[in-house]
Protein backbone atom coordinates (compact mmCIF):
# COMPACT_ATOMS: atom_id res chain seq x y z
CA UNK A 1 114.09 127.28 -65.81
CA UNK A 2 111.42 127.80 -68.46
CA UNK A 3 108.14 125.96 -67.81
CA UNK A 4 105.55 125.96 -70.58
CA UNK A 5 102.52 123.95 -71.61
CA UNK A 6 102.11 122.76 -75.21
CA UNK A 7 98.85 121.59 -76.71
CA UNK A 8 97.11 120.89 -80.00
CA UNK A 9 93.56 120.75 -81.27
CA UNK A 10 91.82 119.43 -84.39
CA UNK A 11 88.18 119.91 -85.32
CA UNK A 12 87.60 116.63 -87.10
CA UNK A 13 91.01 114.97 -86.70
CA UNK A 14 91.94 115.55 -89.44
CA UNK A 15 90.26 118.90 -89.89
CA UNK A 16 90.97 122.56 -89.09
CA UNK A 17 93.77 122.34 -86.54
CA UNK A 18 95.55 124.60 -84.06
CA UNK A 19 98.49 124.53 -81.69
CA UNK A 20 99.73 126.64 -78.80
CA UNK A 21 102.48 126.82 -76.22
CA UNK A 22 101.95 128.98 -73.14
CA UNK A 23 104.12 130.31 -70.30
CA UNK A 24 101.97 133.25 -69.20
CA UNK A 25 99.77 135.92 -70.74
CA UNK A 26 102.82 137.83 -72.00
CA UNK A 27 104.65 134.82 -73.49
CA UNK A 28 102.74 132.44 -75.71
CA UNK A 29 102.28 131.62 -79.37
CA UNK A 30 99.67 129.84 -81.49
CA UNK A 31 99.09 128.79 -85.08
CA UNK A 32 97.61 126.00 -87.13
CA UNK A 33 96.53 124.68 -90.51
CA UNK A 34 93.37 124.38 -92.55
CA UNK A 35 93.74 120.61 -92.27
CA UNK A 36 95.69 118.74 -89.61
CA UNK A 37 95.49 116.31 -86.71
CA UNK A 38 95.67 116.58 -82.93
CA UNK A 39 99.11 114.98 -82.94
CA UNK A 40 100.38 117.42 -85.55
CA UNK A 41 99.22 120.28 -83.34
CA UNK A 42 100.85 118.83 -80.23
CA UNK A 43 104.16 118.32 -82.04
CA UNK A 44 104.12 121.74 -83.70
CA UNK A 45 103.50 123.45 -80.36
CA UNK A 46 106.63 121.81 -78.95
CA UNK A 47 108.66 122.60 -82.07
CA UNK A 48 107.75 126.28 -82.08
CA UNK A 49 108.49 126.52 -78.35
CA UNK A 50 111.93 124.97 -78.89
CA UNK A 51 112.69 127.33 -81.75
CA UNK A 52 111.55 130.49 -79.98
CA UNK A 53 113.55 129.65 -76.84
CA UNK A 54 116.63 128.42 -78.72
CA UNK A 55 118.78 131.40 -77.66
CA UNK A 56 117.82 131.17 -73.98
CA UNK A 57 120.38 129.14 -71.97
CA UNK A 58 117.84 128.10 -69.33
CA UNK A 59 116.65 124.51 -69.16
CA UNK A 60 113.15 123.89 -70.51
CA UNK A 61 110.29 121.87 -69.04
CA UNK A 62 107.42 121.13 -71.42
CA UNK A 63 104.05 120.16 -69.95
CA UNK A 64 102.03 117.92 -72.30
CA UNK A 65 98.75 116.07 -71.95
CA UNK A 66 99.76 113.84 -74.88
CA UNK A 67 101.53 110.59 -74.03
CA UNK A 68 102.19 110.20 -77.76
CA UNK A 69 104.32 113.35 -77.88
CA UNK A 70 106.25 112.50 -74.73
CA UNK A 71 106.94 108.91 -75.80
CA UNK A 72 107.76 109.91 -79.36
CA UNK A 73 110.35 112.48 -78.30
CA UNK A 74 111.86 110.70 -75.28
CA UNK A 75 111.60 106.98 -76.14
CA UNK A 76 110.81 106.15 -79.74
CA UNK A 77 112.75 108.77 -81.73
CA UNK A 78 116.22 107.11 -81.65
CA UNK A 79 114.82 103.77 -82.79
CA UNK A 80 112.79 105.35 -85.57
CA UNK A 81 115.88 107.14 -86.90
CA UNK A 82 117.96 103.95 -86.91
CA UNK A 83 115.23 102.15 -88.85
CA UNK A 84 115.01 104.87 -91.49
CA UNK A 85 111.98 106.49 -89.88
CA UNK A 86 110.01 103.27 -89.76
CA UNK A 87 108.27 101.68 -86.80
CA UNK A 88 108.99 98.24 -85.38
CA UNK A 89 106.33 96.74 -87.67
CA UNK A 90 108.02 98.23 -90.72
CA UNK A 91 105.34 100.84 -91.35
CA UNK A 92 106.45 104.44 -91.96
CA UNK A 93 106.36 106.80 -88.99
CA UNK A 94 103.54 109.34 -89.15
CA UNK A 95 104.31 113.07 -88.94
CA UNK A 96 107.87 112.29 -90.00
CA UNK A 97 108.75 115.80 -91.24
CA UNK A 98 107.65 117.36 -87.96
CA UNK A 99 109.60 114.73 -86.03
CA UNK A 100 112.75 115.36 -88.07
CA UNK A 101 112.50 119.08 -87.31
CA UNK A 102 111.95 118.30 -83.64
CA UNK A 103 114.97 115.99 -83.59
CA UNK A 104 117.12 118.85 -84.88
CA UNK A 105 115.59 121.37 -82.48
CA UNK A 106 116.19 119.11 -79.47
CA UNK A 107 119.86 118.57 -80.28
CA UNK A 108 122.05 120.11 -77.59
CA UNK A 109 119.10 121.32 -75.49
CA UNK A 110 118.32 120.40 -71.89
CA UNK A 111 114.61 119.62 -72.16
CA UNK A 112 112.34 117.71 -69.77
CA UNK A 113 108.83 116.55 -70.64
CA UNK A 114 106.15 116.13 -67.99
CA UNK A 115 102.70 114.66 -68.47
CA UNK A 116 99.69 116.56 -67.14
CA UNK A 117 96.09 115.42 -67.31
CA UNK A 118 94.16 117.37 -69.90
CA UNK A 119 90.93 119.24 -69.10
CA UNK A 120 91.58 118.84 -65.39
CA UNK A 121 92.06 122.44 -64.33
CA UNK A 122 95.84 122.73 -64.79
CA UNK A 123 96.25 126.46 -65.44
CA UNK A 124 98.99 126.34 -68.08
CA UNK A 125 97.46 123.38 -69.90
CA UNK A 126 94.02 124.98 -69.95
CA UNK A 127 95.46 128.23 -71.33
CA UNK A 128 97.32 126.40 -74.10
CA UNK A 129 94.28 124.26 -74.90
CA UNK A 130 91.96 127.26 -75.19
CA UNK A 131 94.31 129.08 -77.57
CA UNK A 132 94.93 125.98 -79.69
CA UNK A 133 91.17 125.46 -80.05
CA UNK A 134 90.71 129.13 -80.92
CA UNK A 135 93.35 128.83 -83.66
CA UNK A 136 91.61 125.75 -85.09
CA UNK A 137 88.29 127.60 -85.03
CA UNK A 138 89.86 130.52 -86.90
CA UNK A 139 90.99 128.19 -89.67
CA UNK A 140 87.52 126.67 -89.77
CA UNK A 141 85.81 130.07 -89.92
CA UNK A 142 88.30 131.82 -92.18
CA UNK A 143 89.18 134.49 -89.64
CA UNK A 144 92.67 135.76 -88.67
CA UNK A 145 94.52 133.67 -86.10
CA UNK A 146 95.66 135.30 -82.86
CA UNK A 147 99.29 134.19 -82.91
CA UNK A 148 100.26 135.70 -79.56
CA UNK A 149 103.24 137.81 -78.52
CA UNK A 150 105.82 135.02 -78.77
CA UNK A 151 108.58 134.32 -76.28
CA UNK A 152 110.12 137.78 -76.30
CA UNK A 153 107.42 140.45 -76.58
CA UNK A 154 108.57 143.52 -78.44
CA UNK A 155 110.22 141.65 -81.27
CA UNK A 156 108.74 141.54 -84.76
CA UNK A 157 105.19 140.12 -84.81
CA UNK A 158 104.96 136.38 -85.10
CA UNK A 159 104.40 135.03 -88.59
CA UNK A 160 102.99 131.67 -89.61
CA UNK A 161 105.66 129.01 -90.11
CA UNK A 162 106.75 128.85 -93.74
CA UNK A 163 106.94 125.06 -93.53
CA UNK A 164 103.96 122.96 -94.34
CA UNK A 165 103.08 119.60 -92.84
CA UNK A 166 100.46 117.23 -94.18
CA UNK A 167 98.17 114.97 -92.16
CA UNK A 168 98.37 111.23 -92.84
CA UNK A 169 96.81 110.36 -96.18
CA UNK A 170 93.50 108.48 -96.00
CA UNK A 171 93.27 105.02 -97.58
CA UNK A 172 92.92 105.02 -101.36
CA UNK A 173 89.28 104.83 -102.48
CA UNK A 174 88.83 104.04 -106.16
CA UNK A 175 85.29 105.41 -106.09
CA UNK A 176 86.07 108.83 -104.60
CA UNK A 177 86.47 111.93 -106.75
CA UNK A 178 89.99 113.41 -106.71
CA UNK A 179 90.56 116.09 -104.09
CA UNK A 180 90.17 119.69 -105.32
CA UNK A 181 93.73 120.23 -104.10
CA UNK A 182 94.88 117.96 -106.96
CA UNK A 183 93.48 120.18 -109.71
CA UNK A 184 96.31 121.81 -111.68
CA UNK A 185 94.89 125.32 -111.30
CA UNK A 186 95.55 125.16 -107.53
CA UNK A 187 99.29 124.76 -108.10
CA UNK A 188 99.20 127.44 -110.78
CA UNK A 189 97.45 129.86 -108.42
CA UNK A 190 100.08 129.22 -105.75
CA UNK A 191 102.83 129.77 -108.32
CA UNK A 192 101.77 133.42 -108.58
CA UNK A 193 103.33 133.88 -105.11
CA UNK A 194 106.57 132.12 -106.10
CA UNK A 195 109.66 134.28 -105.69
CA UNK A 196 111.02 133.00 -109.00
CA UNK A 197 107.80 133.65 -110.92
CA UNK A 198 106.81 137.12 -109.74
CA UNK A 199 109.84 139.03 -111.12
CA UNK A 200 109.57 137.27 -114.50
CA UNK A 201 107.37 139.17 -116.93
CA UNK A 202 107.66 136.28 -119.37
CA UNK A 203 106.34 133.71 -116.89
CA UNK A 204 103.57 136.00 -115.67
CA UNK A 205 102.57 136.76 -119.24
CA UNK A 206 102.19 133.02 -119.84
CA UNK A 207 100.04 132.57 -116.72
CA UNK A 208 97.69 135.53 -117.19
CA UNK A 209 95.10 135.59 -119.96
CA UNK A 210 95.38 138.50 -122.46
CA UNK A 211 92.03 139.79 -121.14
CA UNK A 212 92.91 139.20 -117.49
CA UNK A 213 91.14 141.45 -114.96
CA UNK A 214 91.53 141.85 -111.20
CA UNK A 215 89.06 143.32 -108.70
CA UNK A 216 91.29 143.68 -105.66
CA UNK A 217 90.63 143.86 -101.91
CA UNK A 218 90.58 147.68 -102.03
CA UNK A 219 87.82 147.72 -104.64
CA UNK A 220 90.18 148.73 -107.44
CA UNK A 221 90.19 147.21 -110.93
CA UNK A 222 93.42 146.33 -112.74
CA UNK A 223 94.22 144.75 -116.07
CA UNK A 224 97.07 142.47 -117.04
CA UNK A 225 99.76 145.11 -117.51
CA UNK A 226 99.17 146.91 -114.23
CA UNK A 227 98.93 143.63 -112.34
CA UNK A 228 102.23 142.34 -113.72
CA UNK A 229 103.91 145.66 -112.89
CA UNK A 230 102.62 145.45 -109.31
CA UNK A 231 103.86 141.89 -108.89
CA UNK A 232 107.45 143.02 -109.45
CA UNK A 233 107.48 144.30 -105.87
CA UNK A 234 108.70 141.82 -103.20
CA UNK A 235 105.82 139.90 -101.67
CA UNK A 236 107.21 139.70 -98.12
CA UNK A 237 105.31 136.89 -96.45
CA UNK A 238 104.15 134.02 -98.67
CA UNK A 239 100.44 133.44 -98.02
CA UNK A 240 98.75 130.13 -97.30
CA UNK A 241 96.15 129.06 -99.87
CA UNK A 242 93.17 127.19 -98.41
CA UNK A 243 90.96 125.72 -101.12
CA UNK A 244 87.24 126.32 -100.63
CA UNK A 245 86.06 124.75 -103.89
CA UNK A 246 87.08 123.96 -107.46
CA UNK A 247 84.15 124.06 -109.91
CA UNK A 248 84.02 123.38 -113.64
CA UNK A 249 81.78 126.11 -115.08
CA UNK A 250 82.08 124.86 -118.66
CA UNK A 251 84.48 122.65 -120.59
CA UNK A 252 87.99 123.94 -119.79
CA UNK A 253 86.67 126.78 -117.62
CA UNK A 254 87.33 126.35 -113.89
CA UNK A 255 86.40 128.54 -110.93
CA UNK A 256 88.78 128.26 -107.98
CA UNK A 257 87.48 129.67 -104.69
CA UNK A 258 90.01 129.92 -101.89
CA UNK A 259 91.14 131.78 -98.78
CA UNK A 260 94.43 133.65 -98.87
CA UNK A 261 95.84 133.78 -95.36
CA UNK A 262 98.81 135.67 -93.90
CA UNK A 263 99.61 136.85 -90.38
CA UNK A 264 98.08 140.23 -91.30
CA UNK A 265 94.96 139.36 -93.28
CA UNK A 266 92.54 136.77 -94.61
CA UNK A 267 91.04 137.24 -98.07
CA UNK A 268 88.23 135.30 -99.70
CA UNK A 269 89.20 134.96 -103.35
CA UNK A 270 87.71 133.73 -106.62
CA UNK A 271 89.81 132.95 -109.68
CA UNK A 272 88.59 131.86 -113.12
CA UNK A 273 91.04 129.78 -115.15
CA UNK A 274 90.60 129.00 -118.87
CA UNK A 275 92.45 126.27 -120.72
CA UNK A 276 93.72 127.11 -124.21
CA UNK A 277 95.22 124.05 -125.86
CA UNK A 278 97.45 122.53 -123.19
CA UNK A 279 97.80 125.72 -121.13
CA UNK A 280 95.70 127.04 -118.24
CA UNK A 281 95.58 130.84 -118.02
CA UNK A 282 94.07 133.06 -115.35
CA UNK A 283 91.21 135.13 -116.77
CA UNK A 284 89.67 136.87 -113.73
CA UNK A 285 90.31 137.33 -110.00
CA UNK A 286 88.31 138.91 -107.20
CA UNK A 287 89.72 139.37 -103.70
CA UNK A 288 87.49 140.26 -100.73
CA UNK A 289 88.83 140.95 -97.21
CA UNK A 290 87.37 138.94 -94.33
CA UNK A 291 86.96 141.32 -91.41
CA UNK A 292 87.84 140.15 -87.87
């Protein structure tokens, strides 16, 4: 039998968030998001545990200090599915994408959930809690996350999940400025990591300004041609982009500051976008490594 604790943490709820599942010091994993909730962290910890132990025929016992997670996965899930992922009051279920993934991961598994009191000295729960909080703090501080050895040490290093989950949206406020995440240059910056965009010289040529310049994380300077040539190589792991700020420097000139995060590095980046007619084009980028 596999016995593991799963826990989540959020600094702000929603805010920088982390998750962790823990068996012992040689078998655990952690991760998180720049913005998430406690419940998202709790659910993601269980999901990652299910996925990493999927090939192990042993039964699984998950220790949780969250009644929400236990009730959601053992009592409420079937009813939510029948109602089209809506609650008894007709409102949509929160964290629905995570719950759908969990529903698939639980199928055919022998899994038992047990409640443990949080912050009460339970060794496995305390270990999971500490690592989840550390992951949340890493997202807050912009430092690399310690993702742990995973379930089977010796395999390839753990990478951040490629899926993204969003916290519940706050109520609409007509007097609040739009989120920086909504600015079109954010999506354009992310598109530079897109597997369909990077091999296309035509699409990259349209995104990069004729006078584009890059100061990279190694201190080297590259122009448009060299940068496009370098982007033809496979990217490997798609980074996460965490917006720090979007600032309008002048009419149709926008500075995007963001963190680029992978399992191997965190970079603090600045990108200047200029709008010509109806088209935004990237004029300048600087990428600075954040040391552990």
